Protein backbone atom coordinates (compact mmCIF):
# COMPACT_ATOMS: atom_id res chain seq x y z
CA MET A 1 33.48 49.53 1.08
CA THR A 2 31.22 49.78 -1.99
CA LYS A 3 32.39 48.00 -5.11
CA THR A 4 31.46 48.97 -8.66
CA VAL A 5 29.25 47.02 -11.04
CA ASN A 6 28.05 47.83 -14.55
CA LEU A 7 24.85 47.13 -16.44
CA ILE A 8 24.59 45.59 -19.90
CA LYS A 9 21.59 46.10 -22.17
CA LEU A 10 20.57 45.32 -25.74
CA SER A 11 19.94 48.45 -27.78
CA VAL A 12 16.87 47.11 -29.58
CA GLY A 13 16.22 48.53 -33.04
CA THR A 14 19.60 50.23 -33.17
CA GLU A 15 21.91 49.53 -36.11
CA THR A 16 24.86 51.74 -35.12
CA ILE A 17 26.24 53.86 -32.29
CA ASP A 18 25.06 56.90 -34.25
CA ASP A 19 21.50 55.50 -34.17
CA LEU A 20 21.73 55.19 -30.38
CA ALA A 21 23.01 58.77 -30.11
CA ALA A 22 20.18 60.02 -32.33
CA TRP A 23 17.56 58.24 -30.21
CA GLN A 24 19.05 59.60 -26.99
CA SER A 25 18.96 63.14 -28.37
CA SER A 26 15.18 62.89 -28.83
CA ARG A 27 13.01 64.58 -26.22
CA ARG A 28 11.32 61.28 -25.37
CA ALA A 29 14.61 59.68 -24.32
CA GLN A 30 15.70 62.52 -22.04
CA THR A 31 15.21 63.64 -18.48
CA PRO A 32 13.71 67.09 -17.81
CA ASP A 33 17.31 68.38 -17.39
CA GLY A 34 18.20 67.12 -20.90
CA LEU A 35 20.27 64.04 -20.02
CA PRO A 36 19.73 60.74 -21.83
CA ARG A 37 17.92 58.04 -19.88
CA HIS A 38 16.85 54.46 -20.26
CA VAL A 39 13.58 53.60 -18.52
CA THR A 40 13.24 50.08 -17.18
CA ARG A 41 10.63 48.25 -15.11
CA MET A 42 13.02 46.90 -12.51
CA TRP A 43 14.95 49.00 -10.00
CA PRO A 44 18.51 47.61 -9.62
CA LYS A 45 19.09 46.09 -6.19
CA ARG A 46 22.80 46.91 -6.52
CA GLU A 47 22.13 50.65 -6.89
CA ALA A 48 25.06 51.76 -4.71
CA GLU A 49 27.51 49.68 -6.78
CA ILE A 50 26.17 51.06 -10.06
CA LEU A 51 26.38 54.64 -8.80
CA ASN A 52 29.97 54.04 -7.67
CA GLY A 53 31.37 54.63 -11.17
CA GLY A 54 29.37 52.04 -13.12
CA SER A 55 28.39 52.27 -16.77
CA ILE A 56 25.75 50.79 -19.02
CA TYR A 57 27.27 48.77 -21.87
CA TRP A 58 25.21 48.77 -25.05
CA VAL A 59 24.90 45.65 -27.23
CA ILE A 60 24.26 46.70 -30.82
CA LYS A 61 23.72 44.05 -33.51
CA GLY A 62 24.98 41.31 -31.14
CA VAL A 63 28.22 43.08 -30.17
CA VAL A 64 29.02 45.29 -27.17
CA GLN A 65 30.07 48.48 -28.96
CA CYS A 66 29.93 51.35 -26.46
CA ARG A 67 29.19 52.39 -22.91
CA GLN A 68 27.86 55.36 -20.97
CA THR A 69 28.53 56.27 -17.36
CA VAL A 70 25.47 55.99 -15.12
CA LEU A 71 24.93 59.30 -13.33
CA ARG A 72 21.88 58.51 -11.23
CA LEU A 73 18.69 56.46 -10.97
CA ASP A 74 15.44 58.46 -11.03
CA GLU A 75 11.96 57.32 -10.18
CA TYR A 76 9.71 57.51 -13.24
CA ILE A 77 5.95 57.04 -13.09
CA GLY A 78 4.51 56.08 -16.48
CA THR A 79 1.14 57.16 -17.84
CA ASP A 80 -0.13 53.81 -16.54
CA GLY A 81 0.77 54.82 -12.97
CA ILE A 82 3.45 52.13 -12.62
CA ARG A 83 6.73 53.06 -10.88
CA ARG A 84 9.79 52.49 -13.05
CA CYS A 85 13.51 53.27 -12.92
CA ALA A 86 15.07 55.83 -15.26
CA VAL A 87 18.79 55.08 -15.62
CA VAL A 88 20.19 58.57 -16.23
CA LEU A 89 23.32 58.58 -18.37
CA ASP A 90 26.28 60.75 -19.24
CA PRO A 91 25.65 61.88 -22.84
CA GLU A 92 29.12 60.74 -23.96
CA LEU A 93 29.05 57.40 -25.79
CA VAL A 94 32.46 55.78 -25.24
CA ARG A 95 33.35 53.21 -27.90
CA THR A 96 34.60 49.90 -26.55
CA GLN A 97 36.41 46.96 -28.01
CA GLY A 98 33.85 44.65 -29.60
CA SER A 99 32.61 41.72 -27.57
CA VAL A 100 29.98 39.28 -28.90
CA LYS A 101 26.91 38.91 -26.71
CA ARG A 102 23.95 36.59 -27.21
CA PRO A 103 20.47 38.09 -27.04
CA PHE A 104 18.85 38.42 -23.61
CA GLN A 105 15.88 40.26 -22.18
CA GLY A 106 16.06 43.28 -19.93
CA TRP A 107 19.38 44.31 -18.44
CA ARG A 108 22.00 42.32 -16.58
CA TYR A 109 24.75 43.14 -14.14
CA LEU A 110 28.21 43.16 -15.73
CA PRO A 111 31.18 42.80 -13.38
CA VAL A 112 33.97 45.31 -13.99
CA ALA A 113 36.40 42.45 -14.71
CA ASP A 114 34.15 41.17 -17.54
CA ALA A 115 33.53 44.53 -19.21
CA PRO A 116 35.21 45.10 -22.58
CA PRO A 117 37.88 47.83 -22.45
CA ASP A 118 37.41 51.23 -24.00
CA LEU A 119 39.03 51.71 -27.40
CA PRO A 120 42.53 53.15 -27.11
CA LYS A 121 42.89 56.93 -27.43
CA GLY A 122 42.81 57.99 -31.06
CA ARG A 123 40.71 55.03 -32.20
CA GLU A 124 37.42 56.39 -30.87
CA SER A 125 37.16 58.76 -33.84
CA GLU A 126 37.72 56.03 -36.44
CA GLU A 127 34.85 55.25 -38.78
CA PRO A 128 32.87 52.34 -37.25
CA LEU A 129 33.23 48.99 -38.97
CA PRO A 130 30.23 47.49 -40.78
CA ALA A 131 28.10 45.48 -38.33
CA ASP A 132 28.84 42.08 -39.93
CA LEU A 133 32.59 42.68 -39.96
CA ASN A 134 32.53 44.03 -36.40
CA ARG A 135 30.70 40.88 -35.25
CA ALA A 136 33.04 38.53 -37.12
CA LEU A 137 36.15 40.18 -35.65
CA ALA A 138 34.67 40.18 -32.16
CA GLU A 139 33.82 36.44 -32.47
CA ILE A 140 37.48 35.61 -33.14
CA GLY A 141 38.73 38.01 -30.49
CA VAL A 142 40.43 40.52 -32.78
CA LEU A 143 38.53 43.61 -31.56
């Protein structure tokens, strides 16, 4: 039986979820079939678990703020000839309850039990909180 595992990744240079969405809508951040992707050097060893319903959780300004379902992992050969992994994502960015995360490099596995829950229905359309307030509330466990 295959379990499910998620990935967690810092969204470097992103200030808001809207910034992440804008980047992913650029041609450079998409697969030939128009889906958003994140290209990484390392191919996940736990591929089957990720593809069994896993998501990538995005850390923005030190707080996990959203996630996207991982659809597939594609081989990507860069202009330098090096084989990389393109994590192909569902375009929907699902807002999550805030969870503070310290900086780290690359991506990490995130067990399902440790993943922050999605925001309750109806809250996903609320105006996002300012980054500093979002972080402060997440630090005290209010979000």
